[in-house]
Protein backbone atom coordinates (compact mmCIF):
# COMPACT_ATOMS: atom_id res chain seq x y z
CA MET A 1 -18.03 4.97 2.66
CA GLU A 2 -19.25 2.23 1.26
CA ASN A 3 -18.23 0.07 -2.11
CA PHE A 4 -15.58 2.54 -2.32
CA ALA A 5 -12.86 1.52 -4.39
CA PHE A 6 -9.03 2.36 -5.89
CA VAL A 7 -7.57 1.89 -8.98
CA ILE A 8 -3.96 2.67 -8.98
CA GLU A 9 -2.71 1.77 -12.05
CA ASP A 10 -0.65 3.49 -14.61
CA ASP A 11 -2.24 2.48 -17.91
CA GLU A 12 -4.70 4.27 -18.99
CA ASP A 13 -7.03 1.38 -21.01
CA LEU A 14 -6.49 -0.79 -17.86
CA SER A 15 -7.39 1.48 -15.66
CA ASN A 16 -10.32 2.69 -17.19
CA ILE A 17 -11.45 -1.18 -18.19
CA PHE A 18 -10.52 -2.25 -14.02
CA ALA A 19 -12.82 1.00 -12.98
CA GLU A 20 -16.12 -0.56 -15.50
CA ALA A 21 -15.54 -3.70 -13.64
CA LEU A 22 -15.36 -2.65 -10.88
CA ILE A 23 -18.34 -0.05 -11.18
CA ALA A 24 -20.30 -2.76 -11.88
CA ALA A 25 -19.35 -5.26 -9.45
CA GLY A 26 -21.26 -2.25 -7.01
CA PHE A 27 -18.38 -0.30 -6.65
CA GLU A 28 -18.19 3.36 -6.85
CA VAL A 29 -14.64 4.27 -7.98
CA GLU A 30 -11.44 6.59 -8.45
CA THR A 31 -8.57 6.02 -10.74
CA ILE A 32 -5.34 7.52 -10.03
CA ARG A 33 -2.11 6.27 -12.44
CA ASP A 34 0.64 7.83 -10.12
CA GLY A 35 1.95 6.36 -7.31
CA ALA A 36 2.64 9.43 -5.52
CA LEU A 37 -0.79 10.91 -5.69
CA ALA A 38 -1.82 7.52 -4.84
CA GLN A 39 0.09 7.12 -1.35
CA GLN A 40 -1.32 11.32 -0.92
CA ARG A 41 -4.77 9.79 -1.86
CA LEU A 42 -4.34 6.56 1.47
CA LYS A 43 -4.14 9.49 3.53
CA GLU A 44 -6.59 11.13 3.34
CA ALA A 45 -9.40 7.86 1.90
CA GLU A 46 -10.21 4.44 3.51
CA PRO A 47 -10.86 2.90 -0.04
CA GLU A 48 -12.87 -0.80 0.93
CA LEU A 49 -10.74 -1.99 -2.23
CA ILE A 50 -7.43 -1.31 -3.60
CA ILE A 51 -6.37 -2.55 -7.37
CA LEU A 52 -2.82 -2.08 -7.59
CA ASP A 53 -0.25 -2.56 -10.24
CA MET A 54 3.05 -3.31 -8.54
CA HIS A 55 5.33 -1.09 -11.21
CA LEU A 56 4.45 2.81 -11.04
CA PRO A 57 5.67 6.90 -11.78
CA HIS A 58 7.01 7.88 -8.59
CA VAL A 59 6.25 5.95 -6.02
CA ASP A 60 5.71 1.52 -6.67
CA GLY A 61 3.38 -0.49 -6.09
CA ALA A 62 5.40 -2.06 -3.26
CA THR A 63 5.85 0.56 -0.82
CA LEU A 64 1.72 1.03 -1.90
CA LEU A 65 0.77 -1.97 -0.21
CA LYS A 66 3.74 -1.65 2.80
CA GLN A 67 1.66 1.40 3.46
CA VAL A 68 -1.68 0.01 3.30
CA ARG A 69 -0.85 -3.07 5.70
CA ALA A 70 1.20 0.12 8.02
CA ASP A 71 -1.86 2.38 8.55
CA GLU A 72 -4.61 1.51 11.19
CA ARG A 73 -6.99 3.01 9.00
CA LEU A 74 -6.98 0.43 6.36
CA LYS A 75 -6.28 -3.06 8.36
CA GLY A 76 -9.41 -4.13 6.49
CA THR A 77 -9.09 -2.35 3.13
CA ARG A 78 -8.43 -5.61 0.44
CA VAL A 79 -6.21 -5.24 -1.70
CA LEU A 80 -5.38 -6.71 -5.59
CA ILE A 81 -2.71 -7.04 -6.97
CA THR A 82 -2.49 -6.49 -10.80
CA THR A 83 0.87 -7.57 -12.17
CA ALA A 84 2.55 -8.44 -15.49
CA ASP A 85 5.35 -9.97 -13.59
CA ALA A 86 4.54 -13.79 -12.18
CA LEU A 87 7.01 -14.03 -9.44
CA LEU A 88 6.54 -10.50 -8.63
CA GLY A 89 2.93 -12.20 -8.01
CA GLU A 90 4.12 -14.74 -6.33
CA TYR A 91 6.21 -12.50 -3.90
CA TYR A 92 3.66 -10.74 -2.46
CA ARG A 93 0.98 -13.30 -2.38
CA ASP A 94 0.63 -13.23 1.22
CA GLU A 95 0.65 -9.40 1.94
CA ALA A 96 -2.32 -9.20 -0.75
CA ASP A 97 -5.87 -10.36 -0.27
CA SER A 98 -6.07 -11.12 -4.04
CA VAL A 99 -3.06 -11.43 -6.68
CA LEU A 100 -3.82 -11.78 -10.87
CA ILE A 101 -1.11 -11.98 -13.01
CA LYS A 102 -2.09 -9.41 -16.17
CA PRO A 103 -3.86 -9.72 -18.65
CA VAL A 104 -6.78 -9.84 -16.56
CA SER A 105 -10.23 -9.58 -18.48
CA PHE A 106 -13.16 -7.21 -17.25
CA SER A 107 -15.55 -10.01 -16.40
CA GLN A 108 -12.99 -12.24 -14.31
CA LEU A 109 -12.48 -9.18 -12.51
CA ARG A 110 -15.55 -8.14 -11.88
CA ASP A 111 -16.72 -11.53 -10.49
CA LEU A 112 -14.09 -11.54 -8.36
CA THR A 113 -14.19 -7.83 -6.73
CA VAL A 114 -18.20 -9.02 -6.11
CA ARG A 115 -16.93 -11.14 -3.08
CA TYR A 116 -16.04 -7.83 -2.30
CA LYS A 117 -19.22 -6.08 -2.03
CA LYS A 118 -20.64 -4.94 1.53
CA LYS A 119 -24.05 -5.44 1.13
């Protein structure tokens, strides 16, 4: 499915804002607020883009990032990390396609992700 994205974020308000920004950028979005559920969904789906929080219940973002990068099916998936922890964001900068330090605005996310959309 083209222009399909996951928002993996446990904060409900942020999850909704991120999802709305991606919808405005032209993506179909599935929101996931639990790391274990995200881990399962990543085995079943092939999102084009993932907005990934690093601090999640049950399975953390670092584990999910490793899963995505190790899965041949997901080699074209872009991962955009969102975190309030600047040091953690910097640590994973080379593995992610982008890192945004929270707070992240609707327009900032929309404008960044529109370039990841397939035409």
